[in-house]
Amino acid sequence: MRRRFLPSPAMIVALIALFLSLGGVSYGLATGVIDGREIRNKSITYKDIRPDKLGGGVVKESALGLVPSSLLSHGAARFAVVNAGGQLVRGRSVSSSARTGPGRYQVIFDTDIRGCAYFATVGSPTAVGPPPNNGVSVASLPSNVNGVAVLTDAGGNNQPENRPFHLIVSC
């Protein structure tokens, strides 16, 4: 005689519980019932997100803050565009600019720039073409750790001449 296999009542209850629990999770994931409110902060890391699945369309730009100004001290360029009269036309992190003599200028930034590199070129502060005979030199300003001394001349002949210039300070 063959015995018929009948599960015990405990097995039936366990199987029902298993199917209900798996079905609920599957339903929640499939229908989007599980969302950000159910996820605890810092419980999902970058390893949990598939590559290229979190992009610009998902990020709310209005929720992003401003880039801290402390980044300026870690590599972001400070710059100044100065006209031939020594007035600042535009710039970033510039406190002041002035012509101190024929072809001699000083540009003061908002922080110590002694450990930075200075790059300058004679150039128009507007959209006109570049001026001919570009001669410019830069150095740290001895009287101010936040300053750069700029000397412009008429095409490298060492005769100072008032010229507009562009200055970049990279730290």
N, C-alpha and C. Protein backbone atom coordinates (compact mmCIF):
# COMPACT_ATOMS: atom_id res chain seq x y z
N MET A 1 0.81 -1.17 0.00
CA MET A 1 0.00 0.00 0.00
C MET A 1 0.87 1.25 0.00
N ARG A 2 0.46 2.17 -0.79
CA ARG A 2 1.22 3.43 -0.86
C ARG A 2 0.69 4.44 0.12
N ARG A 3 1.64 5.09 0.75
CA ARG A 3 1.24 6.16 1.66
C ARG A 3 1.20 7.47 0.91
N ARG A 4 0.22 8.17 1.15
CA ARG A 4 0.10 9.47 0.51
C ARG A 4 0.85 10.52 1.33
N PHE A 5 1.58 11.40 0.60
CA PHE A 5 2.35 12.42 1.31
C PHE A 5 1.46 13.63 1.60
N LEU A 6 1.26 13.90 2.84
CA LEU A 6 0.49 15.07 3.27
C LEU A 6 1.38 15.93 4.16
N PRO A 7 1.51 17.21 3.81
CA PRO A 7 2.33 18.07 4.67
C PRO A 7 1.64 18.32 6.00
N SER A 8 2.45 18.55 6.97
CA SER A 8 1.91 18.83 8.30
C SER A 8 1.30 20.22 8.31
N PRO A 9 0.42 20.50 9.26
CA PRO A 9 -0.16 21.85 9.36
C PRO A 9 0.91 22.94 9.52
N ALA A 10 1.97 22.66 10.23
CA ALA A 10 3.05 23.64 10.42
C ALA A 10 3.72 23.96 9.09
N MET A 11 3.91 22.93 8.24
CA MET A 11 4.52 23.13 6.93
C MET A 11 3.61 23.99 6.05
N ILE A 12 2.32 23.76 6.11
CA ILE A 12 1.37 24.55 5.31
C ILE A 12 1.43 26.02 5.71
N VAL A 13 1.44 26.30 7.00
CA VAL A 13 1.52 27.68 7.50
C VAL A 13 2.83 28.32 7.07
N ALA A 14 3.95 27.59 7.14
CA ALA A 14 5.25 28.12 6.76
C ALA A 14 5.29 28.44 5.27
N LEU A 15 4.73 27.56 4.43
CA LEU A 15 4.71 27.81 2.99
C LEU A 15 3.86 29.03 2.64
N ILE A 16 2.70 29.14 3.28
CA ILE A 16 1.85 30.31 3.05
C ILE A 16 2.58 31.59 3.43
N ALA A 17 3.24 31.59 4.57
CA ALA A 17 4.00 32.77 5.01
C ALA A 17 5.12 33.10 4.03
N LEU A 18 5.81 32.07 3.53
CA LEU A 18 6.89 32.29 2.57
C LEU A 18 6.36 32.92 1.29
N PHE A 19 5.30 32.37 0.72
CA PHE A 19 4.74 32.91 -0.51
C PHE A 19 4.21 34.33 -0.34
N LEU A 20 3.59 34.62 0.80
CA LEU A 20 3.08 35.97 1.03
C LEU A 20 4.22 36.97 1.16
N SER A 21 5.27 36.58 1.89
CA SER A 21 6.37 37.53 2.07
C SER A 21 7.11 37.79 0.77
N LEU A 22 7.37 36.74 -0.01
CA LEU A 22 8.03 36.93 -1.30
C LEU A 22 7.14 37.69 -2.28
N GLY A 23 5.90 37.41 -2.28
CA GLY A 23 4.97 38.08 -3.17
C GLY A 23 4.84 39.55 -2.86
N GLY A 24 4.83 39.90 -1.60
CA GLY A 24 4.72 41.31 -1.21
C GLY A 24 5.92 42.12 -1.65
N VAL A 25 7.14 41.59 -1.46
CA VAL A 25 8.34 42.29 -1.88
C VAL A 25 8.37 42.43 -3.40
N SER A 26 8.04 41.34 -4.08
CA SER A 26 8.04 41.39 -5.55
C SER A 26 7.02 42.41 -6.04
N TYR A 27 5.86 42.44 -5.46
CA TYR A 27 4.84 43.39 -5.86
C TYR A 27 5.31 44.82 -5.60
N GLY A 28 5.92 45.04 -4.44
CA GLY A 28 6.40 46.39 -4.10
C GLY A 28 7.47 46.88 -5.05
N LEU A 29 8.38 46.00 -5.42
CA LEU A 29 9.43 46.40 -6.34
C LEU A 29 8.89 46.61 -7.75
N ALA A 30 7.98 45.74 -8.17
CA ALA A 30 7.46 45.82 -9.53
C ALA A 30 6.55 47.03 -9.74
N THR A 31 5.82 47.43 -8.75
CA THR A 31 4.86 48.52 -8.91
C THR A 31 5.40 49.86 -8.45
N GLY A 32 6.59 49.90 -7.89
CA GLY A 32 7.16 51.16 -7.44
C GLY A 32 6.60 51.63 -6.11
N VAL A 33 5.99 50.71 -5.36
CA VAL A 33 5.45 51.09 -4.06
C VAL A 33 6.58 51.42 -3.09
N ILE A 34 7.73 50.78 -3.28
CA ILE A 34 8.89 51.08 -2.45
C ILE A 34 9.59 52.28 -3.08
N ASP A 35 9.74 53.34 -2.32
CA ASP A 35 10.42 54.53 -2.83
C ASP A 35 11.39 55.06 -1.78
N GLY A 36 11.87 56.27 -2.00
CA GLY A 36 12.88 56.85 -1.13
C GLY A 36 12.47 56.99 0.32
N ARG A 37 11.16 57.02 0.60
CA ARG A 37 10.72 57.15 1.99
C ARG A 37 10.97 55.89 2.79
N GLU A 38 11.03 54.75 2.11
CA GLU A 38 11.26 53.49 2.79
C GLU A 38 12.75 53.16 2.95
N ILE A 39 13.61 53.97 2.35
CA ILE A 39 15.05 53.69 2.40
C ILE A 39 15.68 54.60 3.44
N ARG A 40 16.42 53.99 4.37
CA ARG A 40 17.10 54.79 5.40
C ARG A 40 18.30 55.51 4.80
N ASN A 41 18.63 56.67 5.36
CA ASN A 41 19.79 57.44 4.91
C ASN A 41 21.05 56.60 5.04
N LYS A 42 21.89 56.70 4.03
CA LYS A 42 23.20 56.05 3.99
C LYS A 42 23.11 54.53 3.97
N SER A 43 21.92 53.96 3.67
CA SER A 43 21.81 52.51 3.61
C SER A 43 22.14 51.98 2.21
N ILE A 44 22.15 52.85 1.20
CA ILE A 44 22.50 52.46 -0.16
C ILE A 44 23.78 53.18 -0.54
N THR A 45 24.75 52.42 -1.04
CA THR A 45 26.03 53.01 -1.43
C THR A 45 26.14 52.99 -2.95
N TYR A 46 27.23 53.56 -3.45
CA TYR A 46 27.43 53.60 -4.89
C TYR A 46 27.52 52.20 -5.49
N LYS A 47 27.93 51.21 -4.69
CA LYS A 47 28.02 49.83 -5.18
C LYS A 47 26.64 49.23 -5.45
N ASP A 48 25.60 49.76 -4.79
CA ASP A 48 24.25 49.23 -4.94
C ASP A 48 23.54 49.75 -6.19
N ILE A 49 24.11 50.76 -6.84
CA ILE A 49 23.45 51.38 -8.00
C ILE A 49 24.12 50.88 -9.27
N ARG A 50 23.33 50.40 -10.20
CA ARG A 50 23.88 49.93 -11.47
C ARG A 50 24.51 51.09 -12.22
N PRO A 51 25.60 50.84 -12.95
CA PRO A 51 26.26 51.91 -13.71
C PRO A 51 25.30 52.58 -14.68
N ASP A 52 25.41 53.89 -14.80
CA ASP A 52 24.63 54.71 -15.73
C ASP A 52 23.14 54.69 -15.46
N LYS A 53 22.71 54.36 -14.26
CA LYS A 53 21.29 54.34 -13.95
C LYS A 53 20.87 55.55 -13.13
N LEU A 54 21.80 56.30 -12.61
CA LEU A 54 21.49 57.50 -11.86
C LEU A 54 22.17 58.65 -12.59
N GLY A 55 21.38 59.45 -13.29
CA GLY A 55 21.97 60.50 -14.12
C GLY A 55 21.31 61.84 -13.89
N GLY A 56 21.57 62.74 -14.81
CA GLY A 56 21.09 64.11 -14.69
C GLY A 56 19.58 64.22 -14.63
N GLY A 57 18.87 63.31 -15.28
CA GLY A 57 17.41 63.36 -15.24
C GLY A 57 16.85 63.04 -13.88
N VAL A 58 17.62 62.36 -13.05
CA VAL A 58 17.16 61.96 -11.73
C VAL A 58 17.54 63.01 -10.68
N VAL A 59 18.61 63.74 -10.92
CA VAL A 59 19.12 64.70 -9.94
C VAL A 59 18.33 66.00 -10.04
N LYS A 60 17.83 66.47 -8.90
CA LYS A 60 17.13 67.75 -8.86
C LYS A 60 18.17 68.86 -8.71
N GLU A 61 18.37 69.63 -9.78
CA GLU A 61 19.38 70.68 -9.73
C GLU A 61 19.06 71.72 -8.68
N SER A 62 17.78 71.95 -8.41
CA SER A 62 17.41 72.95 -7.41
C SER A 62 17.83 72.52 -6.00
N ALA A 63 18.06 71.22 -5.81
CA ALA A 63 18.47 70.73 -4.48
C ALA A 63 19.98 70.82 -4.28
N LEU A 64 20.72 71.10 -5.35
CA LEU A 64 22.17 71.19 -5.24
C LEU A 64 22.56 72.56 -4.69
N GLY A 65 23.54 72.59 -3.84
CA GLY A 65 24.00 73.84 -3.26
C GLY A 65 25.07 74.48 -4.12
N LEU A 66 25.54 75.63 -3.68
CA LEU A 66 26.62 76.32 -4.36
C LEU A 66 27.94 75.62 -4.09
N VAL A 67 28.87 75.73 -5.01
CA VAL A 67 30.20 75.19 -4.80
C VAL A 67 30.86 76.05 -3.73
N PRO A 68 31.41 75.44 -2.69
CA PRO A 68 32.02 76.23 -1.62
C PRO A 68 33.17 77.08 -2.14
N SER A 69 33.29 78.27 -1.57
CA SER A 69 34.37 79.16 -1.99
C SER A 69 35.72 78.59 -1.57
N SER A 70 35.75 77.63 -0.65
CA SER A 70 37.01 77.02 -0.25
C SER A 70 37.67 76.30 -1.41
N LEU A 71 36.90 75.93 -2.45
CA LEU A 71 37.50 75.28 -3.62
C LEU A 71 38.44 76.22 -4.33
N LEU A 72 38.24 77.53 -4.18
CA LEU A 72 39.13 78.48 -4.84
C LEU A 72 40.54 78.35 -4.31
N SER A 73 40.70 77.93 -3.07
CA SER A 73 42.04 77.80 -2.53
C SER A 73 42.66 76.46 -2.88
N HIS A 74 41.93 75.61 -3.62
CA HIS A 74 42.46 74.29 -3.96
C HIS A 74 42.46 74.05 -5.46
N GLY A 75 42.89 75.03 -6.23
CA GLY A 75 43.12 74.79 -7.64
C GLY A 75 42.26 75.56 -8.62
N ALA A 76 41.10 76.04 -8.23
CA ALA A 76 40.28 76.80 -9.17
C ALA A 76 40.97 78.13 -9.46
N ALA A 77 40.94 78.55 -10.70
CA ALA A 77 41.70 79.73 -11.11
C ALA A 77 41.01 81.02 -10.67
N ARG A 78 41.83 81.93 -10.20
CA ARG A 78 41.41 83.31 -10.00
C ARG A 78 41.85 84.05 -11.25
N PHE A 79 41.13 85.08 -11.63
CA PHE A 79 41.55 85.79 -12.82
C PHE A 79 41.14 87.24 -12.75
N ALA A 80 41.78 88.03 -13.60
CA ALA A 80 41.46 89.45 -13.72
C ALA A 80 41.65 89.87 -15.17
N VAL A 81 40.71 90.66 -15.67
CA VAL A 81 40.86 91.32 -16.96
C VAL A 81 40.89 92.80 -16.64
N VAL A 82 41.99 93.44 -16.97
CA VAL A 82 42.24 94.82 -16.58
C VAL A 82 42.45 95.67 -17.83
N ASN A 83 41.84 96.86 -17.87
CA ASN A 83 42.03 97.73 -19.03
C ASN A 83 43.34 98.52 -18.88
N ALA A 84 43.70 99.26 -19.92
CA ALA A 84 44.98 99.98 -19.93
C ALA A 84 45.07 101.02 -18.82
N GLY A 85 43.93 101.50 -18.32
CA GLY A 85 43.93 102.47 -17.23
C GLY A 85 44.08 101.84 -15.86
N GLY A 86 44.06 100.51 -15.77
CA GLY A 86 44.23 99.83 -14.49
C GLY A 86 42.93 99.43 -13.83
N GLN A 87 41.78 99.73 -14.45
CA GLN A 87 40.50 99.37 -13.86
C GLN A 87 40.16 97.91 -14.18
N LEU A 88 39.61 97.23 -13.19
CA LEU A 88 39.18 95.85 -13.36
C LEU A 88 37.93 95.83 -14.23
N VAL A 89 37.95 95.08 -15.33
CA VAL A 89 36.80 94.94 -16.21
C VAL A 89 35.95 93.76 -15.73
N ARG A 90 36.58 92.65 -15.40
CA ARG A 90 35.90 91.49 -14.83
C ARG A 90 36.96 90.62 -14.17
N GLY A 91 36.51 89.73 -13.29
CA GLY A 91 37.46 88.85 -12.62
C GLY A 91 36.79 87.98 -11.59
N ARG A 92 37.57 87.11 -10.98
CA ARG A 92 37.10 86.24 -9.91
C ARG A 92 38.08 86.35 -8.74
N SER A 93 37.53 86.62 -7.57
CA SER A 93 38.30 86.70 -6.32
C SER A 93 39.29 87.86 -6.32
N VAL A 94 38.98 88.92 -7.05
CA VAL A 94 39.85 90.10 -7.11
C VAL A 94 39.34 91.14 -6.13
N SER A 95 40.25 91.65 -5.30
CA SER A 95 39.89 92.73 -4.37
C SER A 95 40.05 94.09 -5.02
N SER A 96 41.13 94.26 -5.79
CA SER A 96 41.35 95.55 -6.45
C SER A 96 42.39 95.41 -7.55
N SER A 97 42.42 96.44 -8.41
CA SER A 97 43.47 96.53 -9.43
C SER A 97 43.77 98.02 -9.61
N ALA A 98 45.01 98.31 -10.01
CA ALA A 98 45.40 99.71 -10.19
C ALA A 98 46.63 99.79 -11.09
N ARG A 99 46.74 100.91 -11.82
CA ARG A 99 47.97 101.21 -12.55
C ARG A 99 48.82 102.04 -11.61
N THR A 100 50.06 101.62 -11.41
CA THR A 100 50.94 102.31 -10.45
C THR A 100 52.01 103.14 -11.14
N GLY A 101 52.09 103.06 -12.46
CA GLY A 101 53.06 103.82 -13.24
C GLY A 101 52.88 103.43 -14.70
N PRO A 102 53.64 104.04 -15.60
CA PRO A 102 53.51 103.69 -17.00
C PRO A 102 53.77 102.19 -17.22
N GLY A 103 52.75 101.47 -17.70
CA GLY A 103 52.87 100.03 -17.96
C GLY A 103 53.00 99.16 -16.72
N ARG A 104 52.83 99.73 -15.53
CA ARG A 104 52.97 98.97 -14.28
C ARG A 104 51.62 98.90 -13.57
N TYR A 105 51.27 97.69 -13.17
CA TYR A 105 49.97 97.44 -12.55
C TYR A 105 50.15 96.53 -11.34
N GLN A 106 49.17 96.62 -10.46
CA GLN A 106 49.10 95.63 -9.38
C GLN A 106 47.66 95.15 -9.27
N VAL A 107 47.52 93.83 -9.10
CA VAL A 107 46.21 93.21 -8.94
C VAL A 107 46.23 92.50 -7.60
N ILE A 108 45.25 92.84 -6.75
CA ILE A 108 45.18 92.26 -5.41
C ILE A 108 44.00 91.28 -5.37
N PHE A 109 44.26 90.06 -4.91
CA PHE A 109 43.22 89.04 -4.77
C PHE A 109 42.78 88.93 -3.32
N ASP A 110 41.79 88.10 -3.06
CA ASP A 110 41.20 88.02 -1.72
C ASP A 110 41.90 87.04 -0.78
N THR A 111 43.03 86.48 -1.19
CA THR A 111 43.74 85.52 -0.34
C THR A 111 45.22 85.49 -0.71
N ASP A 112 46.01 84.88 0.13
CA ASP A 112 47.45 84.74 -0.09
C ASP A 112 47.69 83.88 -1.33
N ILE A 113 48.43 84.42 -2.30
CA ILE A 113 48.68 83.70 -3.55
C ILE A 113 50.18 83.51 -3.80
N ARG A 114 50.98 83.60 -2.75
CA ARG A 114 52.43 83.46 -2.92
C ARG A 114 52.83 82.11 -3.52
N GLY A 115 52.11 81.04 -3.19
CA GLY A 115 52.46 79.71 -3.69
C GLY A 115 51.80 79.37 -5.00
N CYS A 116 51.29 80.33 -5.71
CA CYS A 116 50.54 80.09 -6.95
C CYS A 116 51.40 80.41 -8.17
N ALA A 117 50.87 80.08 -9.34
CA ALA A 117 51.52 80.44 -10.60
C ALA A 117 50.71 81.56 -11.25
N TYR A 118 51.43 82.49 -11.90
CA TYR A 118 50.79 83.64 -12.52
C TYR A 118 51.01 83.57 -14.04
N PHE A 119 49.95 83.77 -14.79
CA PHE A 119 50.02 83.76 -16.25
C PHE A 119 49.31 85.01 -16.75
N ALA A 120 49.96 85.76 -17.64
CA ALA A 120 49.34 86.99 -18.16
C ALA A 120 49.64 87.12 -19.64
N THR A 121 48.74 87.82 -20.30
CA THR A 121 48.94 88.15 -21.70
C THR A 121 48.30 89.51 -21.95
N VAL A 122 48.92 90.28 -22.84
CA VAL A 122 48.30 91.53 -23.26
C VAL A 122 47.10 91.14 -24.08
N GLY A 123 45.96 91.73 -23.79
CA GLY A 123 44.75 91.37 -24.52
C GLY A 123 43.65 92.37 -24.27
N SER A 124 42.82 92.54 -25.25
CA SER A 124 41.71 93.48 -25.15
C SER A 124 40.68 92.99 -24.14
N PRO A 125 40.13 93.87 -23.33
CA PRO A 125 39.07 93.46 -22.40
C PRO A 125 37.72 93.32 -23.08
N THR A 126 37.65 93.62 -24.37
CA THR A 126 36.39 93.51 -25.13
C THR A 126 36.54 92.44 -26.21
N ALA A 127 35.60 92.41 -27.13
CA ALA A 127 35.58 91.38 -28.17
C ALA A 127 36.38 91.76 -29.41
N VAL A 128 37.13 92.85 -29.38
CA VAL A 128 37.94 93.20 -30.54
C VAL A 128 39.14 92.27 -30.61
N GLY A 129 39.83 92.27 -31.74
CA GLY A 129 40.98 91.40 -31.91
C GLY A 129 42.11 91.72 -30.96
N PRO A 130 43.07 90.82 -30.83
CA PRO A 130 44.18 91.06 -29.91
C PRO A 130 45.08 92.18 -30.40
N PRO A 131 45.65 92.95 -29.48
CA PRO A 131 46.55 94.03 -29.89
C PRO A 131 47.88 93.46 -30.38
N PRO A 132 48.57 94.19 -31.27
CA PRO A 132 49.88 93.71 -31.74
C PRO A 132 50.96 93.91 -30.67
N ASN A 133 52.10 93.28 -30.88
CA ASN A 133 53.26 93.45 -30.00
C ASN A 133 52.92 93.19 -28.54
N ASN A 134 52.69 91.94 -28.24
CA ASN A 134 52.31 91.57 -26.88
C ASN A 134 53.53 91.36 -26.01
N GLY A 135 53.74 92.25 -25.06
CA GLY A 135 54.81 92.10 -24.10
C GLY A 135 54.27 92.27 -22.69
N VAL A 136 54.46 91.26 -21.84
CA VAL A 136 53.95 91.32 -20.48
C VAL A 136 54.82 90.46 -19.57
N SER A 137 55.00 90.93 -18.33
CA SER A 137 55.75 90.18 -17.32
C SER A 137 54.94 90.20 -16.03
N VAL A 138 55.10 89.14 -15.21
CA VAL A 138 54.38 89.06 -13.93
C VAL A 138 55.34 88.65 -12.83
N ALA A 139 55.01 89.04 -11.60
CA ALA A 139 55.79 88.65 -10.43
C ALA A 139 54.93 88.83 -9.19
N SER A 140 55.34 88.21 -8.10
CA SER A 140 54.67 88.45 -6.82
C SER A 140 54.85 89.90 -6.43
N LEU A 141 53.84 90.46 -5.82
CA LEU A 141 53.93 91.84 -5.35
C LEU A 141 54.64 91.83 -4.00
N PRO A 142 55.82 92.42 -3.89
CA PRO A 142 56.58 92.33 -2.64
C PRO A 142 55.87 92.93 -1.43
N SER A 143 55.02 93.93 -1.66
CA SER A 143 54.39 94.63 -0.54
C SER A 143 53.09 93.99 -0.07
N ASN A 144 52.60 92.92 -0.77
CA ASN A 144 51.31 92.34 -0.41
C ASN A 144 51.29 90.88 -0.86
N VAL A 145 51.09 89.94 0.07
CA VAL A 145 51.09 88.51 -0.26
C VAL A 145 49.89 88.12 -1.12
N ASN A 146 48.90 88.99 -1.23
CA ASN A 146 47.72 88.73 -2.04
C ASN A 146 47.84 89.33 -3.44
N GLY A 147 48.98 89.93 -3.77
CA GLY A 147 49.08 90.70 -4.99
C GLY A 147 50.03 90.17 -6.04
N VAL A 148 49.76 90.58 -7.28
CA VAL A 148 50.61 90.27 -8.43
C VAL A 148 50.99 91.60 -9.09
N ALA A 149 52.28 91.74 -9.40
CA ALA A 149 52.76 92.90 -10.14
C ALA A 149 52.80 92.52 -11.62
N VAL A 150 52.27 93.40 -12.46
CA VAL A 150 52.23 93.16 -13.90
C VAL A 150 52.91 94.33 -14.60
N LEU A 151 53.78 94.01 -15.56
CA LEU A 151 54.47 95.03 -16.36
C LEU A 151 54.15 94.76 -17.82
N THR A 152 53.60 95.76 -18.51
CA THR A 152 53.32 95.63 -19.94
C THR A 152 54.25 96.56 -20.70
N ASP A 153 54.70 96.11 -21.88
CA ASP A 153 55.57 96.97 -22.69
C ASP A 153 55.16 96.88 -24.15
N ALA A 154 55.83 97.66 -24.96
CA ALA A 154 55.50 97.74 -26.39
C ALA A 154 56.24 96.65 -27.15
N GLY A 155 55.76 95.43 -27.04
CA GLY A 155 56.32 94.33 -27.82
C GLY A 155 57.64 93.78 -27.34
N GLY A 156 57.87 93.77 -26.05
CA GLY A 156 59.08 93.16 -25.52
C GLY A 156 60.32 94.01 -25.60
N ASN A 157 60.17 95.32 -25.81
CA ASN A 157 61.35 96.18 -25.92
C ASN A 157 61.74 96.79 -24.58
N ASN A 158 61.11 96.33 -23.50
CA ASN A 158 61.40 96.79 -22.13
C ASN A 158 61.08 98.27 -21.92
N GLN A 159 60.29 98.87 -22.80
CA GLN A 159 59.81 100.23 -22.61
C GLN A 159 58.38 100.13 -22.10
N PRO A 160 58.12 100.44 -20.82
CA PRO A 160 56.76 100.30 -20.27
C PRO A 160 55.74 101.07 -21.09
N GLU A 161 54.61 100.44 -21.32
CA GLU A 161 53.51 101.05 -22.06
C GLU A 161 52.20 100.54 -21.47
N ASN A 162 51.26 101.46 -21.31
CA ASN A 162 49.96 101.07 -20.75
C ASN A 162 49.22 100.18 -21.74
N ARG A 163 48.94 98.94 -21.34
CA ARG A 163 48.27 97.96 -22.20
C ARG A 163 47.24 97.20 -21.39
N PRO A 164 46.09 96.86 -21.95
CA PRO A 164 45.14 96.00 -21.25
C PRO A 164 45.70 94.58 -21.19
N PHE A 165 45.32 93.83 -20.16
CA PHE A 165 45.85 92.48 -20.02
C PHE A 165 44.85 91.55 -19.34
N HIS A 166 45.11 90.27 -19.51
CA HIS A 166 44.38 89.20 -18.83
C HIS A 166 45.37 88.48 -17.92
N LEU A 167 44.98 88.24 -16.67
CA LEU A 167 45.84 87.60 -15.69
C LEU A 167 45.11 86.40 -15.09
N ILE A 168 45.79 85.25 -15.03
CA ILE A 168 45.25 84.06 -14.37
C ILE A 168 46.20 83.68 -13.25
N VAL A 169 45.64 83.38 -12.09
CA VAL A 169 46.41 82.90 -10.96
C VAL A 169 45.90 81.50 -10.64
N SER A 170 46.77 80.52 -10.75
CA SER A 170 46.39 79.13 -10.51
C SER A 170 47.18 78.59 -9.32
N CYS A 171 46.45 78.06 -8.35
CA CYS A 171 47.10 77.56 -7.13
C CYS A 171 47.02 76.05 -7.05
